[in-house]
Amino acid sequence: MSHITSINVSNREEVIIMDYDGSNCPCKRVKCERHGNCAVCMEHHHSSKRKLLTACERLKVKEEDKKREK
C-alpha cells in the first residue's frame, strides 16, 4: 500500500515522495510507534517547530542531490 505525496522541502523545489509501508519503511527506529505508518509519521515530523524531514524524505532529497551533481 503506497501512494505518492508531494512536499515542500525547505527552500527547495517540491519533491515527490513515494510512501513506504511497514515492511519496507527506511526509518532506522524500528521500535517507533509510527514506523511504517507514513501519514502519522509525516504529520509528527512536519508539525514540530523544526519541521524535520522523515527518513524517506531525507533519502529522496539525498537522491535528488546526487542527480543534480552529475
N, C-alpha and C. Protein backbone atom coordinates (compact mmCIF):
# COMPACT_ATOMS: atom_id res chain seq x y z
N MET A 1 0.83 -1.17 0.00
CA MET A 1 0.00 0.00 0.00
C MET A 1 0.88 1.25 0.00
N SER A 2 1.11 1.81 -1.16
CA SER A 2 1.90 3.02 -1.22
C SER A 2 1.21 4.03 -2.12
N HIS A 3 1.49 5.27 -1.86
CA HIS A 3 0.95 6.33 -2.69
C HIS A 3 1.96 7.45 -2.76
N ILE A 4 1.74 8.41 -3.61
CA ILE A 4 2.70 9.49 -3.80
C ILE A 4 2.21 10.72 -3.06
N THR A 5 3.13 11.35 -2.35
CA THR A 5 2.83 12.56 -1.60
C THR A 5 3.76 13.66 -2.07
N SER A 6 3.28 14.86 -2.15
CA SER A 6 4.09 15.99 -2.57
C SER A 6 4.39 16.83 -1.35
N ILE A 7 5.64 17.21 -1.15
CA ILE A 7 6.01 18.05 -0.02
C ILE A 7 6.90 19.18 -0.48
N ASN A 8 7.00 20.22 0.31
CA ASN A 8 7.91 21.31 0.03
C ASN A 8 9.07 21.18 1.01
N VAL A 9 10.27 21.03 0.49
CA VAL A 9 11.43 20.78 1.33
C VAL A 9 12.26 22.05 1.43
N SER A 10 12.17 22.74 2.54
CA SER A 10 12.91 23.95 2.89
C SER A 10 13.68 24.61 1.74
N ASN A 11 13.06 25.55 1.11
CA ASN A 11 13.65 26.34 0.04
C ASN A 11 14.10 25.53 -1.16
N ARG A 12 13.65 24.35 -1.30
CA ARG A 12 13.94 23.53 -2.47
C ARG A 12 12.64 23.40 -3.26
N GLU A 13 12.77 22.93 -4.49
CA GLU A 13 11.56 22.68 -5.26
C GLU A 13 10.75 21.59 -4.59
N GLU A 14 9.51 21.45 -4.98
CA GLU A 14 8.69 20.40 -4.41
C GLU A 14 9.27 19.04 -4.77
N VAL A 15 9.30 18.16 -3.82
CA VAL A 15 9.86 16.83 -4.02
C VAL A 15 8.73 15.82 -3.90
N ILE A 16 8.69 14.87 -4.80
CA ILE A 16 7.69 13.82 -4.74
C ILE A 16 8.26 12.68 -3.92
N ILE A 17 7.52 12.26 -2.92
CA ILE A 17 7.96 11.19 -2.03
C ILE A 17 7.05 9.98 -2.22
N MET A 18 7.66 8.84 -2.45
CA MET A 18 6.89 7.60 -2.50
C MET A 18 6.82 7.08 -1.08
N ASP A 19 5.62 6.97 -0.56
CA ASP A 19 5.44 6.49 0.80
C ASP A 19 5.71 4.99 0.86
N TYR A 20 6.17 4.55 1.99
CA TYR A 20 6.51 3.16 2.22
C TYR A 20 5.45 2.52 3.10
N ASP A 21 5.45 1.20 3.12
CA ASP A 21 4.57 0.53 4.06
C ASP A 21 5.42 -0.07 5.18
N GLY A 22 4.81 -0.73 6.11
CA GLY A 22 5.53 -1.25 7.27
C GLY A 22 6.65 -2.22 6.94
N SER A 23 6.53 -2.92 5.83
CA SER A 23 7.54 -3.92 5.50
C SER A 23 8.81 -3.33 4.89
N ASN A 24 8.75 -2.12 4.32
CA ASN A 24 9.96 -1.56 3.71
C ASN A 24 10.23 -0.12 4.14
N CYS A 25 9.74 0.27 5.30
CA CYS A 25 9.97 1.61 5.83
C CYS A 25 11.48 1.81 6.03
N PRO A 26 12.07 2.90 5.51
CA PRO A 26 13.51 3.10 5.61
C PRO A 26 13.99 3.64 6.95
N CYS A 27 13.08 3.96 7.85
CA CYS A 27 13.48 4.53 9.14
C CYS A 27 14.20 3.48 9.98
N LYS A 28 15.28 3.92 10.62
CA LYS A 28 16.07 3.01 11.45
C LYS A 28 15.45 2.78 12.83
N ARG A 29 14.50 3.58 13.19
CA ARG A 29 13.85 3.47 14.51
C ARG A 29 12.68 2.48 14.43
N VAL A 30 13.01 1.22 14.37
CA VAL A 30 12.00 0.19 14.17
C VAL A 30 11.05 0.02 15.35
N LYS A 31 11.43 0.48 16.52
CA LYS A 31 10.56 0.37 17.69
C LYS A 31 9.62 1.57 17.84
N CYS A 32 9.75 2.54 16.95
CA CYS A 32 8.90 3.74 17.00
C CYS A 32 7.45 3.35 16.69
N GLU A 33 6.52 3.93 17.42
CA GLU A 33 5.10 3.62 17.20
C GLU A 33 4.61 4.08 15.83
N ARG A 34 5.34 4.99 15.18
CA ARG A 34 4.94 5.48 13.86
C ARG A 34 5.63 4.74 12.72
N HIS A 35 6.53 3.82 13.02
CA HIS A 35 7.29 3.10 12.00
C HIS A 35 6.35 2.39 11.03
N GLY A 36 6.48 2.72 9.74
CA GLY A 36 5.66 2.10 8.71
C GLY A 36 4.31 2.75 8.49
N ASN A 37 3.96 3.74 9.30
CA ASN A 37 2.70 4.46 9.14
C ASN A 37 3.02 5.86 8.62
N CYS A 38 3.11 6.00 7.30
CA CYS A 38 3.61 7.22 6.66
C CYS A 38 2.83 8.47 7.05
N ALA A 39 1.53 8.41 7.02
CA ALA A 39 0.72 9.60 7.29
C ALA A 39 0.96 10.12 8.71
N VAL A 40 0.97 9.23 9.68
CA VAL A 40 1.19 9.63 11.07
C VAL A 40 2.61 10.13 11.26
N CYS A 41 3.56 9.47 10.64
CA CYS A 41 4.97 9.85 10.75
C CYS A 41 5.19 11.25 10.16
N MET A 42 4.67 11.49 8.95
CA MET A 42 4.83 12.81 8.32
C MET A 42 4.15 13.89 9.14
N GLU A 43 2.98 13.60 9.67
CA GLU A 43 2.28 14.57 10.50
C GLU A 43 3.12 14.93 11.72
N HIS A 44 3.70 13.93 12.35
CA HIS A 44 4.53 14.15 13.53
C HIS A 44 5.75 15.01 13.18
N HIS A 45 6.47 14.66 12.14
CA HIS A 45 7.68 15.37 11.76
C HIS A 45 7.40 16.79 11.28
N HIS A 46 6.34 16.98 10.53
CA HIS A 46 6.05 18.28 9.95
C HIS A 46 5.34 19.22 10.92
N SER A 47 4.82 18.70 12.01
CA SER A 47 4.13 19.56 12.97
C SER A 47 5.07 20.14 14.02
N SER A 48 6.29 19.64 14.10
CA SER A 48 7.23 20.18 15.09
C SER A 48 7.72 21.55 14.62
N LYS A 49 8.23 22.34 15.53
CA LYS A 49 8.74 23.68 15.19
C LYS A 49 9.92 23.61 14.22
N ARG A 50 10.70 22.54 14.30
CA ARG A 50 11.89 22.42 13.45
C ARG A 50 11.57 21.88 12.07
N LYS A 51 10.34 21.42 11.83
CA LYS A 51 9.92 20.89 10.52
C LYS A 51 10.90 19.83 10.00
N LEU A 52 11.11 18.82 10.82
CA LEU A 52 12.03 17.75 10.48
C LEU A 52 11.53 16.92 9.31
N LEU A 53 12.45 16.41 8.51
CA LEU A 53 12.10 15.51 7.42
C LEU A 53 12.04 14.08 7.95
N THR A 54 11.19 13.28 7.35
CA THR A 54 11.14 11.86 7.69
C THR A 54 12.31 11.15 7.02
N ALA A 55 12.55 9.91 7.39
CA ALA A 55 13.65 9.15 6.80
C ALA A 55 13.47 9.01 5.29
N CYS A 56 12.25 8.75 4.84
CA CYS A 56 12.03 8.58 3.40
C CYS A 56 12.22 9.91 2.66
N GLU A 57 11.87 11.02 3.30
CA GLU A 57 12.07 12.33 2.68
C GLU A 57 13.56 12.65 2.58
N ARG A 58 14.32 12.34 3.65
CA ARG A 58 15.77 12.58 3.61
C ARG A 58 16.43 11.76 2.51
N LEU A 59 16.01 10.51 2.36
CA LEU A 59 16.57 9.67 1.30
C LEU A 59 16.26 10.22 -0.08
N LYS A 60 15.06 10.71 -0.27
CA LYS A 60 14.65 11.26 -1.56
C LYS A 60 15.45 12.53 -1.88
N VAL A 61 15.63 13.41 -0.90
CA VAL A 61 16.40 14.63 -1.09
C VAL A 61 17.85 14.28 -1.43
N LYS A 62 18.41 13.31 -0.73
CA LYS A 62 19.78 12.87 -0.99
C LYS A 62 19.92 12.34 -2.41
N GLU A 63 18.93 11.57 -2.84
CA GLU A 63 18.93 11.02 -4.19
C GLU A 63 18.84 12.14 -5.24
N GLU A 64 17.98 13.13 -4.99
CA GLU A 64 17.84 14.27 -5.90
C GLU A 64 19.14 15.07 -5.98
N ASP A 65 19.81 15.27 -4.84
CA ASP A 65 21.08 16.00 -4.83
C ASP A 65 22.15 15.28 -5.65
N LYS A 66 22.18 13.96 -5.55
CA LYS A 66 23.15 13.17 -6.33
C LYS A 66 22.89 13.32 -7.82
N LYS A 67 21.61 13.35 -8.21
CA LYS A 67 21.25 13.51 -9.62
C LYS A 67 21.68 14.88 -10.13
N ARG A 68 21.56 15.90 -9.30
CA ARG A 68 21.93 17.26 -9.69
C ARG A 68 23.44 17.40 -9.87
N GLU A 69 24.21 16.68 -9.08
CA GLU A 69 25.67 16.76 -9.14
C GLU A 69 26.22 16.21 -10.45
N LYS A 70 25.52 15.26 -11.03
CA LYS A 70 26.01 14.63 -12.26
C LYS A 70 25.79 15.46 -13.47
